[in-house]
Amino acid sequence: MNTGDFRRIALSLPGTQESSHMGKPDFRVGGKIFATLASAEHGYGNVMLTLEQQTTFVEELPEVFLPIAGGWGRMGMTHIRLAAAKEDVLAGALRTARKLRLEKNDRAGRKKRPKNAKTERKKH
C-alpha cells in the first residue's frame, strides 16, 4: 500500500472528508480527525485508536502497526507501515478508527445538548 491507497480507502468510508492539519493531510468524519498522513514521508499512515485497540493491532501484526512515539502513542495514535500493509488490513484499521471517532462525536454531542428546559406552568 502507499499514500494514494490510504487516501482512496479513507475517502471511500461514508461521510469522510479530507482536510489538513498543520499542512499535513488528515481524514475527518463529523469534522473530527480519525486518520492522517502526517508521517507519509516516513512511509506511515496514522490512525487514532483506543489503547486497547492499538495493543491488539500491534500484537497481531507488529510488522504493520506500531505506536507513535511519545505521548501521542500513549493516547492510542498508531502508525501503519504502508509498504507492509495489505488492503484489507489497512481498510480494517481505517474503519476501526472512523467508528471510534463517530462514537466519540456522538458522546460529545450528547454532552453538549441542553437539558430539557422546564416547561412553564400555566397559572389559573
PDB file of N, CA and C in Angstrom:
ATOM      1  N   MET A   1       0.837  -1.170   0.000  1.00  0.00           N
ATOM      2  CA  MET A   1       0.000   0.000   0.000  1.00  0.00           C
ATOM      3  C   MET A   1       0.891   1.246   0.000  1.00  0.00           C
ATOM      4  N   ASN A   2       0.287   2.369  -0.364  1.00  0.00           N
ATOM      5  CA  ASN A   2       1.006   3.642  -0.369  1.00  0.00           C
ATOM      6  C   ASN A   2       0.044   4.757   0.056  1.00  0.00           C
ATOM      7  N   THR A   3       0.508   6.000   0.025  1.00  0.00           N
ATOM      8  CA  THR A   3      -0.346   7.103   0.481  1.00  0.00           C
ATOM      9  C   THR A   3      -1.593   7.251  -0.396  1.00  0.00           C
ATOM     10  N   GLY A   4      -1.473   6.969  -1.679  1.00  0.00           N
ATOM     11  CA  GLY A   4      -2.645   7.023  -2.554  1.00  0.00           C
ATOM     12  C   GLY A   4      -3.695   6.006  -2.152  1.00  0.00           C
ATOM     13  N   ASP A   5      -3.242   4.812  -1.792  1.00  0.00           N
ATOM     14  CA  ASP A   5      -4.168   3.774  -1.332  1.00  0.00           C
ATOM     15  C   ASP A   5      -4.829   4.185  -0.019  1.00  0.00           C
ATOM     16  N   PHE A   6      -4.025   4.727   0.902  1.00  0.00           N
ATOM     17  CA  PHE A   6      -4.545   5.194   2.192  1.00  0.00           C
ATOM     18  C   PHE A   6      -5.650   6.221   1.955  1.00  0.00           C
ATOM     19  N   ARG A   7      -5.369   7.200   1.105  1.00  0.00           N
ATOM     20  CA  ARG A   7      -6.332   8.266   0.792  1.00  0.00           C
ATOM     21  C   ARG A   7      -7.589   7.676   0.151  1.00  0.00           C
ATOM     22  N   ARG A   8      -7.411   6.809  -0.836  1.00  0.00           N
ATOM     23  CA  ARG A   8      -8.554   6.205  -1.547  1.00  0.00           C
ATOM     24  C   ARG A   8      -9.458   5.436  -0.587  1.00  0.00           C
ATOM     25  N   ILE A   9      -8.852   4.622   0.271  1.00  0.00           N
ATOM     26  CA  ILE A   9      -9.649   3.814   1.203  1.00  0.00           C
ATOM     27  C   ILE A   9     -10.331   4.712   2.225  1.00  0.00           C
ATOM     28  N   ALA A  10      -9.594   5.661   2.788  1.00  0.00           N
ATOM     29  CA  ALA A  10     -10.187   6.562   3.784  1.00  0.00           C
ATOM     30  C   ALA A  10     -11.379   7.307   3.197  1.00  0.00           C
ATOM     31  N   LEU A  11     -11.220   7.839   1.983  1.00  0.00           N
ATOM     32  CA  LEU A  11     -12.289   8.621   1.371  1.00  0.00           C
ATOM     33  C   LEU A  11     -13.466   7.768   0.898  1.00  0.00           C
ATOM     34  N   SER A  12     -13.270   6.453   0.822  1.00  0.00           N
ATOM     35  CA  SER A  12     -14.376   5.570   0.447  1.00  0.00           C
ATOM     36  C   SER A  12     -15.322   5.318   1.621  1.00  0.00           C
ATOM     37  N   LEU A  13     -14.896   5.668   2.836  1.00  0.00           N
ATOM     38  CA  LEU A  13     -15.729   5.454   4.016  1.00  0.00           C
ATOM     39  C   LEU A  13     -16.787   6.551   4.095  1.00  0.00           C
ATOM     40  N   PRO A  14     -18.038   6.195   4.370  1.00  0.00           N
ATOM     41  CA  PRO A  14     -19.138   7.172   4.363  1.00  0.00           C
ATOM     42  C   PRO A  14     -18.860   8.384   5.254  1.00  0.00           C
ATOM     43  N   GLY A  15     -19.119   9.557   4.690  1.00  0.00           N
ATOM     44  CA  GLY A  15     -19.004  10.793   5.450  1.00  0.00           C
ATOM     45  C   GLY A  15     -17.599  11.308   5.666  1.00  0.00           C
ATOM     46  N   THR A  16     -16.602  10.634   5.100  1.00  0.00           N
ATOM     47  CA  THR A  16     -15.216  11.053   5.309  1.00  0.00           C
ATOM     48  C   THR A  16     -14.864  12.200   4.379  1.00  0.00           C
ATOM     49  N   GLN A  17     -14.173  13.172   4.957  1.00  0.00           N
ATOM     50  CA  GLN A  17     -13.682  14.305   4.192  1.00  0.00           C
ATOM     51  C   GLN A  17     -12.192  14.456   4.439  1.00  0.00           C
ATOM     52  N   GLU A  18     -11.456  14.827   3.392  1.00  0.00           N
ATOM     53  CA  GLU A  18     -10.034  15.114   3.556  1.00  0.00           C
ATOM     54  C   GLU A  18      -9.873  16.588   3.894  1.00  0.00           C
ATOM     55  N   SER A  19      -8.997  16.861   4.827  1.00  0.00           N
ATOM     56  CA  SER A  19      -8.692  18.223   5.223  1.00  0.00           C
ATOM     57  C   SER A  19      -7.188  18.296   5.461  1.00  0.00           C
ATOM     58  N   SER A  20      -6.760  19.263   6.249  1.00  0.00           N
ATOM     59  CA  SER A  20      -5.340  19.430   6.526  1.00  0.00           C
ATOM     60  C   SER A  20      -5.157  19.944   7.940  1.00  0.00           C
ATOM     61  N   HIS A  21      -4.168  19.398   8.617  1.00  0.00           N
ATOM     62  CA  HIS A  21      -3.798  19.854   9.954  1.00  0.00           C
ATOM     63  C   HIS A  21      -2.299  20.106   9.954  1.00  0.00           C
ATOM     64  N   MET A  22      -1.918  21.337  10.213  1.00  0.00           N
ATOM     65  CA  MET A  22      -0.508  21.719  10.215  1.00  0.00           C
ATOM     66  C   MET A  22       0.168  21.360   8.883  1.00  0.00           C
ATOM     67  N   GLY A  23      -0.563  21.546   7.784  1.00  0.00           N
ATOM     68  CA  GLY A  23      -0.026  21.319   6.455  1.00  0.00           C
ATOM     69  C   GLY A  23       0.049  19.870   6.027  1.00  0.00           C
ATOM     70  N   LYS A  24      -0.495  18.963   6.830  1.00  0.00           N
ATOM     71  CA  LYS A  24      -0.474  17.529   6.509  1.00  0.00           C
ATOM     72  C   LYS A  24      -1.898  17.034   6.286  1.00  0.00           C
ATOM     73  N   PRO A  25      -2.098  16.118   5.322  1.00  0.00           N
ATOM     74  CA  PRO A  25      -3.439  15.603   5.057  1.00  0.00           C
ATOM     75  C   PRO A  25      -4.016  14.860   6.259  1.00  0.00           C
ATOM     76  N   ASP A  26      -5.292  15.121   6.515  1.00  0.00           N
ATOM     77  CA  ASP A  26      -5.995  14.336   7.527  1.00  0.00           C
ATOM     78  C   ASP A  26      -7.363  13.956   6.989  1.00  0.00           C
ATOM     79  N   PHE A  27      -7.986  13.026   7.677  1.00  0.00           N
ATOM     80  CA  PHE A  27      -9.276  12.489   7.258  1.00  0.00           C
ATOM     81  C   PHE A  27     -10.214  12.587   8.448  1.00  0.00           C
ATOM     82  N   ARG A  28     -11.386  13.173   8.180  1.00  0.00           N
ATOM     83  CA  ARG A  28     -12.317  13.509   9.245  1.00  0.00           C
ATOM     84  C   ARG A  28     -13.708  12.954   8.968  1.00  0.00           C
ATOM     85  N   VAL A  29     -14.403  12.721  10.057  1.00  0.00           N
ATOM     86  CA  VAL A  29     -15.818  12.393   9.987  1.00  0.00           C
ATOM     87  C   VAL A  29     -16.487  13.251  11.058  1.00  0.00           C
ATOM     88  N   GLY A  30     -17.565  13.918  10.693  1.00  0.00           N
ATOM     89  CA  GLY A  30     -18.207  14.834  11.620  1.00  0.00           C
ATOM     90  C   GLY A  30     -17.296  15.977  12.028  1.00  0.00           C
ATOM     91  N   GLY A  31     -16.363  16.333  11.154  1.00  0.00           N
ATOM     92  CA  GLY A  31     -15.450  17.437  11.421  1.00  0.00           C
ATOM     93  C   GLY A  31     -14.275  17.108  12.318  1.00  0.00           C
ATOM     94  N   LYS A  32     -14.148  15.857  12.749  1.00  0.00           N
ATOM     95  CA  LYS A  32     -13.077  15.455  13.673  1.00  0.00           C
ATOM     96  C   LYS A  32     -12.152  14.430  13.012  1.00  0.00           C
ATOM     97  N   ILE A  33     -10.879  14.536  13.300  1.00  0.00           N
ATOM     98  CA  ILE A  33      -9.848  13.689  12.691  1.00  0.00           C
ATOM     99  C   ILE A  33      -9.904  12.259  13.241  1.00  0.00           C
ATOM    100  N   PHE A  34      -9.778  11.287  12.321  1.00  0.00           N
ATOM    101  CA  PHE A  34      -9.619   9.894  12.736  1.00  0.00           C
ATOM    102  C   PHE A  34      -8.372   9.255  12.116  1.00  0.00           C
ATOM    103  N   ALA A  35      -7.792   9.893  11.107  1.00  0.00           N
ATOM    104  CA  ALA A  35      -6.589   9.347  10.463  1.00  0.00           C
ATOM    105  C   ALA A  35      -5.833  10.492   9.798  1.00  0.00           C
ATOM    106  N   THR A  36      -4.513  10.298   9.637  1.00  0.00           N
ATOM    107  CA  THR A  36      -3.703  11.320   8.978  1.00  0.00           C
ATOM    108  C   THR A  36      -2.630  10.673   8.107  1.00  0.00           C
ATOM    109  N   LEU A  37      -2.057  11.508   7.280  1.00  0.00           N
ATOM    110  CA  LEU A  37      -0.852  11.141   6.536  1.00  0.00           C
ATOM    111  C   LEU A  37       0.291  12.046   6.989  1.00  0.00           C
ATOM    112  N   ALA A  38       0.297  12.388   8.270  1.00  0.00           N
ATOM    113  CA  ALA A  38       1.299  13.296   8.830  1.00  0.00           C
ATOM    114  C   ALA A  38       2.707  12.719   8.770  1.00  0.00           C
ATOM    115  N   SER A  39       2.836  11.406   8.696  1.00  0.00           N
ATOM    116  CA  SER A  39       4.152  10.761   8.660  1.00  0.00           C
ATOM    117  C   SER A  39       4.400  10.055   7.337  1.00  0.00           C
ATOM    118  N   ALA A  40       3.724  10.510   6.293  1.00  0.00           N
ATOM    119  CA  ALA A  40       3.832   9.863   4.981  1.00  0.00           C
ATOM    120  C   ALA A  40       5.262   9.843   4.464  1.00  0.00           C
ATOM    121  N   GLU A  41       6.034  10.904   4.765  1.00  0.00           N
ATOM    122  CA  GLU A  41       7.415  10.948   4.277  1.00  0.00           C
ATOM    123  C   GLU A  41       8.275   9.843   4.884  1.00  0.00           C
ATOM    124  N   HIS A  42       7.797   9.233   5.966  1.00  0.00           N
ATOM    125  CA  HIS A  42       8.496   8.102   6.593  1.00  0.00           C
ATOM    126  C   HIS A  42       7.847   6.763   6.230  1.00  0.00           C
ATOM    127  N   GLY A  43       6.841   6.811   5.346  1.00  0.00           N
ATOM    128  CA  GLY A  43       6.182   5.583   4.906  1.00  0.00           C
ATOM    129  C   GLY A  43       5.020   5.146   5.774  1.00  0.00           C
ATOM    130  N   TYR A  44       4.520   6.054   6.628  1.00  0.00           N
ATOM    131  CA  TYR A  44       3.437   5.707   7.544  1.00  0.00           C
ATOM    132  C   TYR A  44       2.152   6.459   7.235  1.00  0.00           C
ATOM    133  N   GLY A  45       1.050   5.794   7.490  1.00  0.00           N
ATOM    134  CA  GLY A  45      -0.240   6.425   7.692  1.00  0.00           C
ATOM    135  C   GLY A  45      -0.493   6.332   9.190  1.00  0.00           C
ATOM    136  N   ASN A  46      -1.401   7.130   9.707  1.00  0.00           N
ATOM    137  CA  ASN A  46      -1.682   7.129  11.137  1.00  0.00           C
ATOM    138  C   ASN A  46      -3.178   7.001  11.376  1.00  0.00           C
ATOM    139  N   VAL A  47      -3.535   6.239  12.398  1.00  0.00           N
ATOM    140  CA  VAL A  47      -4.934   6.130  12.813  1.00  0.00           C
ATOM    141  C   VAL A  47      -5.031   6.394  14.308  1.00  0.00           C
ATOM    142  N   MET A  48      -6.182   6.915  14.706  1.00  0.00           N
ATOM    143  CA  MET A  48      -6.451   7.207  16.103  1.00  0.00           C
ATOM    144  C   MET A  48      -7.293   6.069  16.664  1.00  0.00           C
ATOM    145  N   LEU A  49      -6.706   5.314  17.613  1.00  0.00           N
ATOM    146  CA  LEU A  49      -7.360   4.165  18.210  1.00  0.00           C
ATOM    147  C   LEU A  49      -7.410   4.322  19.724  1.00  0.00           C
ATOM    148  N   THR A  50      -8.120   3.424  20.391  1.00  0.00           N
ATOM    149  CA  THR A  50      -8.002   3.344  21.836  1.00  0.00           C
ATOM    150  C   THR A  50      -6.703   2.596  22.141  1.00  0.00           C
ATOM    151  N   LEU A  51      -6.236   2.663  23.365  1.00  0.00           N
ATOM    152  CA  LEU A  51      -5.036   1.908  23.732  1.00  0.00           C
ATOM    153  C   LEU A  51      -5.259   0.409  23.568  1.00  0.00           C
ATOM    154  N   GLU A  52      -6.461  -0.050  23.897  1.00  0.00           N
ATOM    155  CA  GLU A  52      -6.766  -1.478  23.762  1.00  0.00           C
ATOM    156  C   GLU A  52      -6.732  -1.907  22.297  1.00  0.00           C
ATOM    157  N   GLN A  53      -7.322  -1.098  21.441  1.00  0.00           N
ATOM    158  CA  GLN A  53      -7.305  -1.410  20.006  1.00  0.00           C
ATOM    159  C   GLN A  53      -5.872  -1.383  19.484  1.00  0.00           C
ATOM    160  N   GLN A  54      -5.117  -0.382  19.887  1.00  0.00           N
ATOM    161  CA  GLN A  54      -3.724  -0.268  19.463  1.00  0.00           C
ATOM    162  C   GLN A  54      -2.942  -1.517  19.859  1.00  0.00           C
ATOM    163  N   THR A  55      -3.108  -1.946  21.105  1.00  0.00           N
ATOM    164  CA  THR A  55      -2.405  -3.135  21.593  1.00  0.00           C
ATOM    165  C   THR A  55      -2.753  -4.353  20.749  1.00  0.00           C
ATOM    166  N   THR A  56      -4.010  -4.522  20.437  1.00  0.00           N
ATOM    167  CA  THR A  56      -4.450  -5.662  19.629  1.00  0.00           C
ATOM    168  C   THR A  56      -3.836  -5.615  18.235  1.00  0.00           C
ATOM    169  N   PHE A  57      -3.908  -4.457  17.569  1.00  0.00           N
ATOM    170  CA  PHE A  57      -3.343  -4.333  16.227  1.00  0.00           C
ATOM    171  C   PHE A  57      -1.835  -4.617  16.245  1.00  0.00           C
ATOM    172  N   VAL A  58      -1.117  -4.031  17.201  1.00  0.00           N
ATOM    173  CA  VAL A  58       0.341  -4.199  17.278  1.00  0.00           C
ATOM    174  C   VAL A  58       0.705  -5.650  17.576  1.00  0.00           C
ATOM    175  N   GLU A  59      -0.014  -6.286  18.500  1.00  0.00           N
ATOM    176  CA  GLU A  59       0.282  -7.686  18.837  1.00  0.00           C
ATOM    177  C   GLU A  59       0.008  -8.615  17.659  1.00  0.00           C
ATOM    178  N   GLU A  60      -1.082  -8.355  16.917  1.00  0.00           N
ATOM    179  CA  GLU A  60      -1.440  -9.235  15.808  1.00  0.00           C
ATOM    180  C   GLU A  60      -0.557  -9.038  14.581  1.00  0.00           C
ATOM    181  N   LEU A  61      -0.149  -7.792  14.310  1.00  0.00           N
ATOM    182  CA  LEU A  61       0.652  -7.511  13.115  1.00  0.00           C
ATOM    183  C   LEU A  61       1.745  -6.481  13.433  1.00  0.00           C
ATOM    184  N   PRO A  62       2.746  -6.887  14.206  1.00  0.00           N
ATOM    185  CA  PRO A  62       3.801  -5.929  14.592  1.00  0.00           C
ATOM    186  C   PRO A  62       4.624  -5.422  13.410  1.00  0.00           C
ATOM    187  N   GLU A  63       4.594  -6.145  12.305  1.00  0.00           N
ATOM    188  CA  GLU A  63       5.313  -5.685  11.113  1.00  0.00           C
ATOM    189  C   GLU A  63       4.561  -4.570  10.391  1.00  0.00           C
ATOM    190  N   VAL A  64       3.295  -4.364  10.743  1.00  0.00           N
ATOM    191  CA  VAL A  64       2.470  -3.346  10.104  1.00  0.00           C
ATOM    192  C   VAL A  64       2.182  -2.171  11.044  1.00  0.00           C
ATOM    193  N   PHE A  65       1.880  -2.462  12.297  1.00  0.00           N
ATOM    194  CA  PHE A  65       1.445  -1.429  13.242  1.00  0.00           C
ATOM    195  C   PHE A  65       2.472  -1.171  14.327  1.00  0.00           C
ATOM    196  N   LEU A  66       2.617   0.089  14.727  1.00  0.00           N
ATOM    197  CA  LEU A  66       3.426   0.448  15.884  1.00  0.00           C
ATOM    198  C   LEU A  66       2.887   1.742  16.474  1.00  0.00           C
ATOM    199  N   PRO A  67       2.967   1.868  17.800  1.00  0.00           N
ATOM    200  CA  PRO A  67       2.508   3.112  18.424  1.00  0.00           C
ATOM    201  C   PRO A  67       3.381   4.279  17.965  1.00  0.00           C
ATOM    202  N   ILE A  68       2.764   5.434  17.777  1.00  0.00           N
ATOM    203  CA  ILE A  68       3.533   6.642  17.508  1.00  0.00           C
ATOM    204  C   ILE A  68       4.341   6.941  18.769  1.00  0.00           C
ATOM    205  N   ALA A  69       5.555   7.407  18.610  1.00  0.00           N
ATOM    206  CA  ALA A  69       6.439   7.664  19.752  1.00  0.00           C
ATOM    207  C   ALA A  69       5.865   8.744  20.672  1.00  0.00           C
ATOM    208  N   GLY A  70       6.164   8.621  21.949  1.00  0.00           N
ATOM    209  CA  GLY A  70       5.815   9.649  22.927  1.00  0.00           C
ATOM    210  C   GLY A  70       4.365   9.631  23.362  1.00  0.00           C
ATOM    211  N   GLY A  71       3.924  10.792  23.786  1.00  0.00           N
ATOM    212  CA  GLY A  71       2.583  10.934  24.339  1.00  0.00           C
ATOM    213  C   GLY A  71       1.468  10.602  23.382  1.00  0.00           C
ATOM    214  N   TRP A  72       1.656  10.907  22.096  1.00  0.00           N
ATOM    215  CA  TRP A  72       0.610  10.578  21.123  1.00  0.00           C
ATOM    216  C   TRP A  72       0.363   9.083  21.083  1.00  0.00           C
ATOM    217  N   GLY A  73       1.434   8.307  21.096  1.00  0.00           N
ATOM    218  CA  GLY A  73       1.286   6.859  21.086  1.00  0.00           C
ATOM    219  C   GLY A  73       0.625   6.334  22.342  1.00  0.00           C
ATOM    220  N   ARG A  74       0.914   6.985  23.472  1.00  0.00           N
ATOM    221  CA  ARG A  74       0.292   6.569  24.730  1.00  0.00           C
ATOM    222  C   ARG A  74      -1.190   6.929  24.788  1.00  0.00           C
ATOM    223  N   MET A  75      -1.649   7.701  23.811  1.00  0.00           N
ATOM    224  CA  MET A  75      -3.083   8.023  23.709  1.00  0.00           C
ATOM    225  C   MET A  75      -3.768   7.183  22.621  1.00  0.00           C
ATOM    226  N   GLY A  76      -3.043   6.244  22.024  1.00  0.00           N
ATOM    227  CA  GLY A  76      -3.632   5.353  21.031  1.00  0.00           C
ATOM    228  C   GLY A  76      -3.316   5.687  19.592  1.00  0.00           C
ATOM    229  N   MET A  77      -2.569   6.760  19.360  1.00  0.00           N
ATOM    230  CA  MET A  77      -2.217   7.110  17.989  1.00  0.00           C
ATOM    231  C   MET A  77      -1.228   6.062  17.455  1.00  0.00           C
ATOM    232  N   THR A  78      -1.527   5.539  16.282  1.00  0.00           N
ATOM    233  CA  THR A  78      -0.820   4.363  15.778  1.00  0.00           C
ATOM    234  C   THR A  78      -0.362   4.551  14.346  1.00  0.00           C
ATOM    235  N   HIS A  79       0.920   4.229  14.093  1.00  0.00           N
ATOM    236  CA  HIS A  79       1.456   4.224  12.730  1.00  0.00           C
ATOM    237  C   HIS A  79       1.041   2.934  12.025  1.00  0.00           C
ATOM    238  N   ILE A  80       0.843   3.053  10.722  1.00  0.00           N
ATOM    239  CA  ILE A  80       0.662   1.894   9.850  1.00  0.00           C
ATOM    240  C   ILE A  80       1.792   1.953   8.827  1.00  0.00           C
ATOM    241  N   ARG A  81       2.631   0.922   8.784  1.00  0.00           N
ATOM    242  CA  ARG A  81       3.685   0.848   7.761  1.00  0.00           C
ATOM    243  C   ARG A  81       2.998   0.514   6.448  1.00  0.00           C
ATOM    244  N   LEU A  82       2.860   1.506   5.599  1.00  0.00           N
ATOM    245  CA  LEU A  82       2.064   1.335   4.384  1.00  0.00           C
ATOM    246  C   LEU A  82       2.613   0.243   3.481  1.00  0.00           C
ATOM    247  N   ALA A  83       3.922   0.180   3.309  1.00  0.00           N
ATOM    248  CA  ALA A  83       4.514  -0.815   2.410  1.00  0.00           C
ATOM    249  C   ALA A  83       4.275  -2.244   2.891  1.00  0.00           C
ATOM    250  N   ALA A  84       4.055  -2.421   4.196  1.00  0.00           N
ATOM    251  CA  ALA A  84       3.857  -3.757   4.758  1.00  0.00           C
ATOM    252  C   ALA A  84       2.386  -4.138   4.879  1.00  0.00           C
ATOM    253  N   ALA A  85       1.493  -3.174   4.696  1.00  0.00           N
ATOM    254  CA  ALA A  85       0.063  -3.420   4.905  1.00  0.00           C
ATOM    255  C   ALA A  85      -0.596  -3.970   3.648  1.00  0.00           C
ATOM    256  N   LYS A  86      -1.527  -4.875   3.852  1.00  0.00           N
ATOM    257  CA  LYS A  86      -2.390  -5.350   2.773  1.00  0.00           C
ATOM    258  C   LYS A  86      -3.660  -4.508   2.801  1.00  0.00           C
ATOM    259  N   GLU A  87      -4.344  -4.449   1.691  1.00  0.00           N
ATOM    260  CA  GLU A  87      -5.517  -3.577   1.573  1.00  0.00           C
ATOM    261  C   GLU A  87      -6.569  -3.872   2.633  1.00  0.00           C
ATOM    262  N   ASP A  88      -6.869  -5.143   2.887  1.00  0.00           N
ATOM    263  CA  ASP A  88      -7.905  -5.456   3.871  1.00  0.00           C
ATOM    264  C   ASP A  88      -7.502  -5.018   5.277  1.00  0.00           C
ATOM    265  N   VAL A  89      -6.215  -5.110   5.590  1.00  0.00           N
ATOM    266  CA  VAL A  89      -5.721  -4.695   6.903  1.00  0.00           C
ATOM    267  C   VAL A  89      -5.811  -3.174   7.037  1.00  0.00           C
ATOM    268  N   LEU A  90      -5.352  -2.464   6.026  1.00  0.00           N
ATOM    269  CA  LEU A  90      -5.420  -1.006   6.042  1.00  0.00           C
ATOM    270  C   LEU A  90      -6.877  -0.542   6.130  1.00  0.00           C
ATOM    271  N   ALA A  91      -7.744  -1.142   5.338  1.00  0.00           N
ATOM    272  CA  ALA A  91      -9.159  -0.775   5.361  1.00  0.00           C
ATOM    273  C   ALA A  91      -9.763  -1.053   6.733  1.00  0.00           C
ATOM    274  N   GLY A  92      -9.408  -2.173   7.335  1.00  0.00           N
ATOM    275  CA  GLY A  92      -9.926  -2.506   8.667  1.00  0.00           C
ATOM    276  C   GLY A  92      -9.486  -1.502   9.719  1.00  0.00           C
ATOM    277  N   ALA A  93      -8.236  -1.077   9.660  1.00  0.00           N
ATOM    278  CA  ALA A  93      -7.731  -0.095  10.623  1.00  0.00           C
ATOM    279  C   ALA A  93      -8.437   1.244  10.436  1.00  0.00           C
ATOM    280  N   LEU A  94      -8.624   1.659   9.197  1.00  0.00           N
ATOM    281  CA  LEU A  94      -9.319   2.921   8.934  1.00  0.00           C
ATOM    282  C   LEU A  94     -10.783   2.852   9.369  1.00  0.00           C
ATOM    283  N   ARG A  95     -11.445   1.728   9.109  1.00  0.00           N
ATOM    284  CA  ARG A  95     -12.839   1.574   9.551  1.00  0.00           C
ATOM    285  C   ARG A  95     -12.931   1.619  11.077  1.00  0.00           C
ATOM    286  N   THR A  96     -11.980   0.971  11.746  1.00  0.00           N
ATOM    287  CA  THR A  96     -11.967   0.964  13.215  1.00  0.00           C
ATOM    288  C   THR A  96     -11.789   2.374  13.757  1.00  0.00           C
ATOM    289  N   ALA A  97     -10.842   3.123  13.200  1.00  0.00           N
ATOM    290  CA  ALA A  97     -10.591   4.491  13.655  1.00  0.00           C
ATOM    291  C   ALA A  97     -11.799   5.388  13.382  1.00  0.00           C
ATOM    292  N   ARG A  98     -12.418   5.228  12.216  1.00  0.00           N
ATOM    293  CA  ARG A  98     -13.596   6.032  11.866  1.00  0.00           C
ATOM    294  C   ARG A  98     -14.750   5.731  12.813  1.00  0.00           C
ATOM    295  N   LYS A  99     -14.976   4.454  13.100  1.00  0.00           N
ATOM    296  CA  LYS A  99     -16.061   4.059  14.015  1.00  0.00           C
ATOM    297  C   LYS A  99     -15.828   4.649  15.402  1.00  0.00           C
ATOM    298  N   LEU A 100     -14.605   4.581  15.884  1.00  0.00           N
ATOM    299  CA  LEU A 100     -14.271   5.157  17.186  1.00  0.00           C
ATOM    300  C   LEU A 100     -14.550   6.655  17.190  1.00  0.00           C
ATOM    301  N   ARG A 101     -14.155   7.339  16.119  1.00  0.00           N
ATOM    302  CA  ARG A 101     -14.372   8.787  16.033  1.00  0.00           C
ATOM    303  C   ARG A 101     -15.866   9.104  16.046  1.00  0.00           C
ATOM    304  N   LEU A 102     -16.665   8.321  15.318  1.00  0.00           N
ATOM    305  CA  LEU A 102     -18.113   8.531  15.315  1.00  0.00           C
ATOM    306  C   LEU A 102     -18.699   8.347  16.708  1.00  0.00           C
ATOM    307  N   GLU A 103     -18.221   7.335  17.426  1.00  0.00           N
ATOM    308  CA  GLU A 103     -18.695   7.098  18.793  1.00  0.00           C
ATOM    309  C   GLU A 103     -18.326   8.267  19.703  1.00  0.00           C
ATOM    310  N   LYS A 104     -17.101   8.776  19.577  1.00  0.00           N
ATOM    311  CA  LYS A 104     -16.684   9.933  20.379  1.00  0.00           C
ATOM    312  C   LYS A 104     -17.507  11.163  20.016  1.00  0.00           C
ATOM    313  N   ASN A 105     -17.751  11.369  18.724  1.00  0.00           N
ATOM    314  CA  ASN A 105     -18.560  12.503  18.286  1.00  0.00           C
ATOM    315  C   ASN A 105     -19.957  12.423  18.894  1.00  0.00           C
ATOM    316  N   ASP A 106     -20.522  11.214  18.893  1.00  0.00           N
ATOM    317  CA  ASP A 106     -21.868  11.025  19.425  1.00  0.00           C
ATOM    318  C   ASP A 106     -21.897  11.314  20.925  1.00  0.00           C
ATOM    319  N   ARG A 107     -20.919  10.809  21.664  1.00  0.00           N
ATOM    320  CA  ARG A 107     -20.857  11.069  23.113  1.00  0.00           C
ATOM    321  C   ARG A 107     -20.698  12.560  23.389  1.00  0.00           C
ATOM    322  N   ALA A 108     -19.846  13.218  22.621  1.00  0.00           N
ATOM    323  CA  ALA A 108     -19.628  14.656  22.806  1.00  0.00           C
ATOM    324  C   ALA A 108     -20.902  15.427  22.485  1.00  0.00           C
ATOM    325  N   GLY A 109     -21.612  15.003  21.468  1.00  0.00           N
ATOM    326  CA  GLY A 109     -22.857  15.662  21.092  1.00  0.00           C
ATOM    327  C   GLY A 109     -23.919  15.530  22.164  1.00  0.00           C
ATOM    328  N   ARG A 110     -23.973  14.369  22.809  1.00  0.00           N
ATOM    329  CA  ARG A 110     -24.945  14.176  23.887  1.00  0.00           C
ATOM    330  C   ARG A 110     -24.615  15.049  25.084  1.00  0.00           C
ATOM    331  N   LYS A 111     -23.336  15.236  25.352  1.00  0.00           N
ATOM    332  CA  LYS A 111     -22.930  16.066  26.486  1.00  0.00           C
ATOM    333  C   LYS A 111     -23.249  17.540  26.241  1.00  0.00           C
ATOM    334  N   LYS A 112     -23.195  17.969  24.985  1.00  0.00           N
ATOM    335  CA  LYS A 112     -23.407  19.376  24.660  1.00  0.00           C
ATOM    336  C   LYS A 112     -24.876  19.751  24.552  1.00  0.00           C
ATOM    337  N   ARG A 113     -25.735  18.775  24.381  1.00  0.00           N
ATOM    338  CA  ARG A 113     -27.153  19.085  24.223  1.00  0.00           C
ATOM    339  C   ARG A 113     -27.694  19.666  25.516  1.00  0.00           C
ATOM    340  N   PRO A 114     -28.503  20.703  25.404  1.00  0.00           N
ATOM    341  CA  PRO A 114     -29.059  21.301  26.621  1.00  0.00           C
ATOM    342  C   PRO A 114     -30.033  20.343  27.290  1.00  0.00           C
ATOM    343  N   LYS A 115     -30.065  20.413  28.603  1.00  0.00           N
ATOM    344  CA  LYS A 115     -31.031  19.607  29.339  1.00  0.00           C
ATOM    345  C   LYS A 115     -32.416  20.141  29.024  1.00  0.00           C
ATOM    346  N   ASN A 116     -33.390  19.289  29.163  1.00  0.00           N
ATOM    347  CA  ASN A 116     -34.761  19.721  28.858  1.00  0.00           C
ATOM    348  C   ASN A 116     -35.109  20.926  29.719  1.00  0.00           C
ATOM    349  N   ALA A 117     -35.555  21.947  29.041  1.00  0.00           N
ATOM    350  CA  ALA A 117     -35.977  23.141  29.770  1.00  0.00           C
ATOM    351  C   ALA A 117     -37.271  22.857  30.513  1.00  0.00           C
ATOM    352  N   LYS A 118     -37.364  23.404  31.688  1.00  0.00           N
ATOM    353  CA  LYS A 118     -38.609  23.226  32.454  1.00  0.00           C
ATOM    354  C   LYS A 118     -39.715  23.954  31.725  1.00  0.00           C
ATOM    355  N   THR A 119     -40.825  23.315  31.618  1.00  0.00           N
ATOM    356  CA  THR A 119     -41.946  23.976  30.958  1.00  0.00           C
ATOM    357  C   THR A 119     -42.638  24.881  31.956  1.00  0.00           C
ATOM    358  N   GLU A 120     -43.072  25.985  31.452  1.00  0.00           N
ATOM    359  CA  GLU A 120     -43.776  26.927  32.330  1.00  0.00           C
ATOM    360  C   GLU A 120     -45.137  26.367  32.671  1.00  0.00           C
ATOM    361  N   ARG A 121     -45.504  26.554  33.929  1.00  0.00           N
ATOM    362  CA  ARG A 121     -46.826  26.111  34.357  1.00  0.00           C
ATOM    363  C   ARG A 121     -47.802  27.248  34.127  1.00  0.00           C
ATOM    364  N   LYS A 122     -48.939  26.863  33.650  1.00  0.00           N
ATOM    365  CA  LYS A 122     -49.982  27.877  33.447  1.00  0.00           C
ATOM    366  C   LYS A 122     -50.589  28.230  34.788  1.00  0.00           C
ATOM    367  N   LYS A 123     -50.775  29.518  34.965  1.00  0.00           N
ATOM    368  CA  LYS A 123     -51.429  29.984  36.189  1.00  0.00           C
ATOM    369  C   LYS A 123     -52.917  30.031  35.932  1.00  0.00           C
ATOM    370  N   HIS A 124     -53.664  29.519  36.876  1.00  0.00           N
ATOM    371  CA  HIS A 124     -55.126  29.544  36.746  1.00  0.00           C
ATOM    372  C   HIS A 124     -55.701  30.580  37.641  1.00  0.00           C
TER     373      HIS A 124
END
